[in-house]
Amino acid sequence: MNNSILVGILRFAGLVLLQVLIFSRMNFLGQINPMVYILFLYWYPVRENRTALLGIAFLLGFAVDLFTDSLAMHTVASLTAAYFRPAIMRFVFGVNLEFQNFRLSASTRVQKVTFLALLIGIHHLVFYTLEIFSLTNLLLILKRVVLNGLGTFVFALLLSSLFARQRE
């Protein structure tokens, strides 16, 4: 089995387990529930098949939905973030993305943070719009997107720095 496939499977399972067992039960300050499983879409290889990414995003959201009884909201939000991922990458990385040897680890810290923030923003906007499902409560949707987005962003940065490969 290819090493990158094994790493992908371990990341998938680990992030789903972290989300279901720890972060879904966390209710920080009464409102913030981080959704760290989005890191899988962040860590997914750049040059892999887009159809496979959409299928894996469906499975990722479905697995979280299965354990949290969230009526396919995680699935729709994950699929939306995965669908817009190439456009976000073109926006953030620009011309550098077109080179064959482009790697996320070789990009600047600002580009990585921007890419992660935009993925989280799209995911949370879709998720909380579906959860509240009323545009009359637009301020509540935006409040939840911002608060939970910041919480997710902080925990995602902590997790990604914890599991980052050390450069010499």
C-alpha atoms as a PDB file:
ATOM      1  CA  MET A   1       0.000   0.000   0.000  1.00  0.00           C
ATOM      2  CA  ASN A   2       1.249   3.460  -0.867  1.00  0.00           C
ATOM      3  CA  ASN A   3       2.491   5.498   2.104  1.00  0.00           C
ATOM      4  CA  SER A   4       0.396   8.557   1.184  1.00  0.00           C
ATOM      5  CA  ILE A   5      -2.778   6.448   1.054  1.00  0.00           C
ATOM      6  CA  LEU A   6      -2.054   5.024   4.508  1.00  0.00           C
ATOM      7  CA  VAL A   7      -1.412   8.511   5.888  1.00  0.00           C
ATOM      8  CA  GLY A   8      -4.681   9.723   4.323  1.00  0.00           C
ATOM      9  CA  ILE A   9      -6.661   6.864   5.866  1.00  0.00           C
ATOM     10  CA  LEU A  10      -5.126   7.504   9.286  1.00  0.00           C
ATOM     11  CA  ARG A  11      -5.844  11.236   9.045  1.00  0.00           C
ATOM     12  CA  PHE A  12      -9.434  10.545   7.995  1.00  0.00           C
ATOM     13  CA  ALA A  13     -10.082   8.128  10.848  1.00  0.00           C
ATOM     14  CA  GLY A  14      -8.209  10.225  13.398  1.00  0.00           C
ATOM     15  CA  LEU A  15      -9.998  13.455  12.548  1.00  0.00           C
ATOM     16  CA  VAL A  16     -13.420  11.801  12.542  1.00  0.00           C
ATOM     17  CA  LEU A  17     -12.701  10.208  15.917  1.00  0.00           C
ATOM     18  CA  LEU A  18     -11.398  13.501  17.346  1.00  0.00           C
ATOM     19  CA  GLN A  19     -14.474  15.311  16.085  1.00  0.00           C
ATOM     20  CA  VAL A  20     -16.969  12.763  17.324  1.00  0.00           C
ATOM     21  CA  LEU A  21     -15.410  11.886  20.676  1.00  0.00           C
ATOM     22  CA  ILE A  22     -13.995  15.243  21.775  1.00  0.00           C
ATOM     23  CA  PHE A  23     -14.918  18.300  19.734  1.00  0.00           C
ATOM     24  CA  SER A  24     -18.617  17.543  19.178  1.00  0.00           C
ATOM     25  CA  ARG A  25     -19.089  17.338  22.926  1.00  0.00           C
ATOM     26  CA  MET A  26     -17.113  20.500  23.593  1.00  0.00           C
ATOM     27  CA  ASN A  27     -19.248  23.529  24.269  1.00  0.00           C
ATOM     28  CA  PHE A  28     -16.621  26.160  24.914  1.00  0.00           C
ATOM     29  CA  LEU A  29     -18.055  29.373  26.419  1.00  0.00           C
ATOM     30  CA  GLY A  30     -21.549  28.004  25.828  1.00  0.00           C
ATOM     31  CA  GLN A  31     -21.465  28.533  22.049  1.00  0.00           C
ATOM     32  CA  ILE A  32     -18.233  27.406  20.416  1.00  0.00           C
ATOM     33  CA  ASN A  33     -18.068  23.890  18.964  1.00  0.00           C
ATOM     34  CA  PRO A  34     -14.914  23.495  16.839  1.00  0.00           C
ATOM     35  CA  MET A  35     -15.146  21.345  13.713  1.00  0.00           C
ATOM     36  CA  VAL A  36     -11.575  20.164  13.253  1.00  0.00           C
ATOM     37  CA  TYR A  37     -12.396  17.459  10.714  1.00  0.00           C
ATOM     38  CA  ILE A  38     -12.129  20.218   8.081  1.00  0.00           C
ATOM     39  CA  LEU A  39      -8.368  19.778   8.406  1.00  0.00           C
ATOM     40  CA  PHE A  40      -8.686  16.721   6.180  1.00  0.00           C
ATOM     41  CA  LEU A  41      -9.726  18.960   3.273  1.00  0.00           C
ATOM     42  CA  TYR A  42      -6.800  21.239   4.096  1.00  0.00           C
ATOM     43  CA  TRP A  43      -4.298  18.362   4.179  1.00  0.00           C
ATOM     44  CA  TYR A  44      -5.639  16.571   1.098  1.00  0.00           C
ATOM     45  CA  PRO A  45      -2.927  16.404  -1.599  1.00  0.00           C
ATOM     46  CA  VAL A  46      -2.990  19.181  -4.175  1.00  0.00           C
ATOM     47  CA  ARG A  47      -2.618  17.095  -7.333  1.00  0.00           C
ATOM     48  CA  GLU A  48      -5.066  14.314  -6.485  1.00  0.00           C
ATOM     49  CA  ASN A  49      -8.249  13.579  -8.417  1.00  0.00           C
ATOM     50  CA  ARG A  50     -11.035  16.100  -7.771  1.00  0.00           C
ATOM     51  CA  THR A  51     -13.754  13.458  -8.041  1.00  0.00           C
ATOM     52  CA  ALA A  52     -12.014  11.427  -5.352  1.00  0.00           C
ATOM     53  CA  LEU A  53     -11.863  14.535  -3.167  1.00  0.00           C
ATOM     54  CA  LEU A  54     -15.620  15.034  -3.488  1.00  0.00           C
ATOM     55  CA  GLY A  55     -16.262  11.361  -2.675  1.00  0.00           C
ATOM     56  CA  ILE A  56     -13.993  11.482   0.356  1.00  0.00           C
ATOM     57  CA  ALA A  57     -15.570  14.773   1.502  1.00  0.00           C
ATOM     58  CA  PHE A  58     -18.968  13.097   1.282  1.00  0.00           C
ATOM     59  CA  LEU A  59     -17.728  10.165   3.384  1.00  0.00           C
ATOM     60  CA  LEU A  60     -16.087  12.535   5.869  1.00  0.00           C
ATOM     61  CA  GLY A  61     -19.252  14.553   6.402  1.00  0.00           C
ATOM     62  CA  PHE A  62     -21.417  11.435   6.404  1.00  0.00           C
ATOM     63  CA  ALA A  63     -19.264   9.787   9.077  1.00  0.00           C
ATOM     64  CA  VAL A  64     -19.539  12.841  11.327  1.00  0.00           C
ATOM     65  CA  ASP A  65     -23.292  13.103  10.632  1.00  0.00           C
ATOM     66  CA  LEU A  66     -23.762   9.450  11.480  1.00  0.00           C
ATOM     67  CA  PHE A  67     -22.296   9.873  14.956  1.00  0.00           C
ATOM     68  CA  THR A  68     -23.696  13.325  15.759  1.00  0.00           C
ATOM     69  CA  ASP A  69     -27.257  13.011  14.356  1.00  0.00           C
ATOM     70  CA  SER A  70     -26.938  16.277  12.456  1.00  0.00           C
ATOM     71  CA  LEU A  71     -29.224  15.470   9.505  1.00  0.00           C
ATOM     72  CA  ALA A  72     -26.611  15.659   6.704  1.00  0.00           C
ATOM     73  CA  MET A  73     -25.507  19.210   7.524  1.00  0.00           C
ATOM     74  CA  HIS A  74     -21.875  18.144   7.900  1.00  0.00           C
ATOM     75  CA  THR A  75     -22.087  16.256   4.608  1.00  0.00           C
ATOM     76  CA  VAL A  76     -23.437  19.211   2.645  1.00  0.00           C
ATOM     77  CA  ALA A  77     -20.967  21.630   4.255  1.00  0.00           C
ATOM     78  CA  SER A  78     -18.011  19.301   3.593  1.00  0.00           C
ATOM     79  CA  LEU A  79     -19.049  18.741  -0.009  1.00  0.00           C
ATOM     80  CA  THR A  80     -19.411  22.479  -0.567  1.00  0.00           C
ATOM     81  CA  ALA A  81     -15.989  23.222   0.923  1.00  0.00           C
ATOM     82  CA  ALA A  82     -14.429  20.424  -1.151  1.00  0.00           C
ATOM     83  CA  TYR A  83     -16.129  21.696  -4.304  1.00  0.00           C
ATOM     84  CA  PHE A  84     -14.795  25.223  -3.816  1.00  0.00           C
ATOM     85  CA  ARG A  85     -11.330  24.050  -2.669  1.00  0.00           C
ATOM     86  CA  PRO A  86      -9.673  24.343  -6.137  1.00  0.00           C
ATOM     87  CA  ALA A  87     -11.041  27.870  -6.602  1.00  0.00           C
ATOM     88  CA  ILE A  88      -9.827  28.855  -3.133  1.00  0.00           C
ATOM     89  CA  MET A  89      -6.409  27.401  -3.912  1.00  0.00           C
ATOM     90  CA  ARG A  90      -6.191  29.353  -7.177  1.00  0.00           C
ATOM     91  CA  PHE A  91      -7.192  32.503  -5.313  1.00  0.00           C
ATOM     92  CA  VAL A  92      -4.689  32.033  -2.479  1.00  0.00           C
ATOM     93  CA  PHE A  93      -1.699  30.503  -4.266  1.00  0.00           C
ATOM     94  CA  GLY A  94      -2.174  32.095  -7.683  1.00  0.00           C
ATOM     95  CA  VAL A  95       0.312  31.206 -10.421  1.00  0.00           C
ATOM     96  CA  ASN A  96       2.401  29.029  -8.089  1.00  0.00           C
ATOM     97  CA  LEU A  97      -0.361  26.412  -8.087  1.00  0.00           C
ATOM     98  CA  GLU A  98       0.168  25.689 -11.798  1.00  0.00           C
ATOM     99  CA  PHE A  99       3.702  24.370 -11.326  1.00  0.00           C
ATOM    100  CA  GLN A 100       4.081  20.596 -11.138  1.00  0.00           C
ATOM    101  CA  ASN A 101       6.255  20.707  -8.020  1.00  0.00           C
ATOM    102  CA  PHE A 102       3.866  22.881  -5.955  1.00  0.00           C
ATOM    103  CA  ARG A 103       3.533  21.752  -2.364  1.00  0.00           C
ATOM    104  CA  LEU A 104       1.454  23.254   0.398  1.00  0.00           C
ATOM    105  CA  SER A 105       4.366  22.913   2.800  1.00  0.00           C
ATOM    106  CA  ALA A 106       6.513  25.108   0.539  1.00  0.00           C
ATOM    107  CA  SER A 107       4.057  28.024   0.580  1.00  0.00           C
ATOM    108  CA  THR A 108       4.213  30.962   2.963  1.00  0.00           C
ATOM    109  CA  ARG A 109       2.556  30.938   6.360  1.00  0.00           C
ATOM    110  CA  VAL A 110       0.161  33.714   5.303  1.00  0.00           C
ATOM    111  CA  GLN A 111      -1.000  31.647   2.316  1.00  0.00           C
ATOM    112  CA  LYS A 112      -1.559  28.573   4.493  1.00  0.00           C
ATOM    113  CA  VAL A 113      -3.517  30.552   7.090  1.00  0.00           C
ATOM    114  CA  THR A 114      -5.618  32.264   4.406  1.00  0.00           C
ATOM    115  CA  PHE A 115      -6.376  28.935   2.710  1.00  0.00           C
ATOM    116  CA  LEU A 116      -7.438  27.358   6.014  1.00  0.00           C
ATOM    117  CA  ALA A 117      -9.535  30.391   7.010  1.00  0.00           C
ATOM    118  CA  LEU A 118     -11.403  30.435   3.691  1.00  0.00           C
ATOM    119  CA  LEU A 119     -12.110  26.682   3.874  1.00  0.00           C
ATOM    120  CA  ILE A 120     -13.439  27.079   7.406  1.00  0.00           C
ATOM    121  CA  GLY A 121     -15.473  30.142   6.446  1.00  0.00           C
ATOM    122  CA  ILE A 122     -17.225  28.428   3.544  1.00  0.00           C
ATOM    123  CA  HIS A 123     -17.859  25.271   5.549  1.00  0.00           C
ATOM    124  CA  HIS A 124     -19.286  27.132   8.527  1.00  0.00           C
ATOM    125  CA  LEU A 125     -21.401  29.481   6.430  1.00  0.00           C
ATOM    126  CA  VAL A 126     -23.098  26.531   4.738  1.00  0.00           C
ATOM    127  CA  PHE A 127     -23.382  24.524   7.961  1.00  0.00           C
ATOM    128  CA  TYR A 128     -24.961  27.260  10.084  1.00  0.00           C
ATOM    129  CA  THR A 129     -27.214  28.452   7.284  1.00  0.00           C
ATOM    130  CA  LEU A 130     -28.602  24.909   7.112  1.00  0.00           C
ATOM    131  CA  GLU A 131     -28.771  24.573  10.883  1.00  0.00           C
ATOM    132  CA  ILE A 132     -30.693  27.796  11.489  1.00  0.00           C
ATOM    133  CA  PHE A 133     -32.431  27.712   8.075  1.00  0.00           C
ATOM    134  CA  SER A 134     -33.922  31.176   8.337  1.00  0.00           C
ATOM    135  CA  LEU A 135     -32.512  34.281   6.744  1.00  0.00           C
ATOM    136  CA  THR A 136     -34.484  36.392   9.191  1.00  0.00           C
ATOM    137  CA  ASN A 137     -31.871  35.260  11.722  1.00  0.00           C
ATOM    138  CA  LEU A 138     -28.965  36.408   9.554  1.00  0.00           C
ATOM    139  CA  LEU A 139     -27.162  38.024  12.494  1.00  0.00           C
ATOM    140  CA  LEU A 140     -27.363  34.786  14.466  1.00  0.00           C
ATOM    141  CA  ILE A 141     -25.942  32.877  11.487  1.00  0.00           C
ATOM    142  CA  LEU A 142     -23.074  35.349  11.150  1.00  0.00           C
ATOM    143  CA  LYS A 143     -22.430  35.283  14.901  1.00  0.00           C
ATOM    144  CA  ARG A 144     -22.183  31.498  14.884  1.00  0.00           C
ATOM    145  CA  VAL A 145     -20.011  31.485  11.750  1.00  0.00           C
ATOM    146  CA  VAL A 146     -17.578  33.969  13.265  1.00  0.00           C
ATOM    147  CA  LEU A 147     -17.412  32.487  16.783  1.00  0.00           C
ATOM    148  CA  ASN A 148     -17.259  28.848  15.739  1.00  0.00           C
ATOM    149  CA  GLY A 149     -15.005  29.726  12.811  1.00  0.00           C
ATOM    150  CA  LEU A 150     -12.502  31.349  15.164  1.00  0.00           C
ATOM    151  CA  GLY A 151     -12.695  28.388  17.521  1.00  0.00           C
ATOM    152  CA  THR A 152     -12.220  25.928  14.687  1.00  0.00           C
ATOM    153  CA  PHE A 153      -9.391  28.022  13.266  1.00  0.00           C
ATOM    154  CA  VAL A 154      -7.500  28.100  16.579  1.00  0.00           C
ATOM    155  CA  PHE A 155      -7.881  24.365  17.214  1.00  0.00           C
ATOM    156  CA  ALA A 156      -7.030  23.557  13.578  1.00  0.00           C
ATOM    157  CA  LEU A 157      -3.838  25.614  13.819  1.00  0.00           C
ATOM    158  CA  LEU A 158      -2.929  23.882  17.066  1.00  0.00           C
ATOM    159  CA  LEU A 159      -3.549  20.426  15.598  1.00  0.00           C
ATOM    160  CA  SER A 160      -1.746  21.178  12.350  1.00  0.00           C
ATOM    161  CA  SER A 161       1.275  22.541  14.213  1.00  0.00           C
ATOM    162  CA  LEU A 162       1.233  19.498  16.494  1.00  0.00           C
ATOM    163  CA  PHE A 163       1.339  17.090  13.555  1.00  0.00           C
ATOM    164  CA  ALA A 164       3.521  19.163  11.226  1.00  0.00           C
ATOM    165  CA  ARG A 165       6.723  17.649   9.975  1.00  0.00           C
ATOM    166  CA  GLN A 166       9.764  19.355  11.417  1.00  0.00           C
ATOM    167  CA  ARG A 167      12.149  20.909   8.901  1.00  0.00           C
ATOM    168  CA  GLU A 168      15.847  20.872   9.581  1.00  0.00           C
END
